[in-house]
């Protein structure tokens, strides 16, 4: 998932996508532990997607509420 695609989403869509990817990552972890995961790169990609979405959510929060520095 590309960062620009995430930025174009609404806040609700970003939150929903984050939940979906976290659930998928949870399932991938179980598959990995039981030896059923065929492509371990999926775990790496899921972790990166979660981090990317969380980063953009935080970035949007910071940009929408700028604090004045004195």
Protein backbone atom coordinates (compact mmCIF):
# COMPACT_ATOMS: atom_id res chain seq x y z
CA UNK A 1 0.00 0.00 0.00
CA UNK A 2 1.40 3.35 -1.01
CA UNK A 3 1.50 6.36 1.31
CA UNK A 4 -0.26 8.59 -1.23
CA UNK A 5 -3.17 6.14 -1.40
CA UNK A 6 -3.47 6.24 2.40
CA UNK A 7 -3.37 10.04 2.47
CA UNK A 8 -6.24 10.20 -0.03
CA UNK A 9 -8.45 8.07 2.23
CA UNK A 10 -10.88 9.59 4.70
CA UNK A 11 -10.03 9.22 8.40
CA UNK A 12 -12.70 6.53 8.75
CA UNK A 13 -11.30 4.58 5.82
CA UNK A 14 -7.77 4.78 7.27
CA UNK A 15 -9.01 3.49 10.61
CA UNK A 16 -10.90 0.65 8.96
CA UNK A 17 -7.91 -0.29 6.80
CA UNK A 18 -5.66 -0.31 9.89
CA UNK A 19 -8.03 -2.70 11.67
CA UNK A 20 -8.20 -4.97 8.61
CA UNK A 21 -4.42 -5.18 8.27
CA UNK A 22 -3.94 -5.75 12.01
CA UNK A 23 -6.41 -8.66 11.87
CA UNK A 24 -4.65 -10.07 8.81
CA UNK A 25 -1.28 -9.78 10.59
CA UNK A 26 -2.73 -11.60 13.62
CA UNK A 27 -3.82 -14.47 11.36
CA UNK A 28 -0.43 -14.51 9.60
CA UNK A 29 1.31 -14.89 12.96
CA UNK A 30 -0.77 -17.97 13.74
CA UNK A 31 -0.07 -19.44 10.32
CA UNK A 32 3.64 -18.80 10.82
CA UNK A 33 3.69 -20.50 14.23
CA UNK A 34 1.86 -23.56 12.96
CA UNK A 35 4.06 -23.85 9.88
CA UNK A 36 1.26 -23.12 7.44
CA UNK A 37 2.53 -19.77 6.15
CA UNK A 38 3.83 -20.19 2.62
CA UNK A 39 5.13 -16.66 2.10
CA UNK A 40 6.82 -15.08 5.17
CA UNK A 41 7.19 -11.81 3.25
CA UNK A 42 3.48 -11.22 3.87
CA UNK A 43 4.24 -10.69 7.56
CA UNK A 44 6.90 -8.13 6.76
CA UNK A 45 4.59 -6.30 4.36
CA UNK A 46 1.73 -6.29 6.88
CA UNK A 47 3.97 -4.83 9.61
CA UNK A 48 5.14 -2.10 7.24
CA UNK A 49 1.60 -1.29 6.15
CA UNK A 50 0.48 -1.00 9.78
CA UNK A 51 3.38 1.33 10.56
CA UNK A 52 2.74 3.38 7.41
CA UNK A 53 -0.94 3.89 8.25
CA UNK A 54 -0.20 4.73 11.89
CA UNK A 55 2.44 7.23 10.80
CA UNK A 56 0.09 8.97 8.39
CA UNK A 57 -2.71 9.05 10.98
CA UNK A 58 -0.33 10.70 13.44
CA UNK A 59 0.93 13.07 10.76
CA UNK A 60 -2.64 14.16 10.03
CA UNK A 61 -3.31 14.72 13.75
CA UNK A 62 -0.24 16.89 14.13
CA UNK A 63 -0.98 18.92 11.00
CA UNK A 64 -4.60 19.53 11.98
CA UNK A 65 -3.69 20.76 15.48
CA UNK A 66 -0.55 22.88 15.17
CA UNK A 67 0.79 24.14 18.48
CA UNK A 68 2.37 27.54 18.77
CA UNK A 69 6.00 27.39 19.80
CA UNK A 70 7.29 30.26 21.88
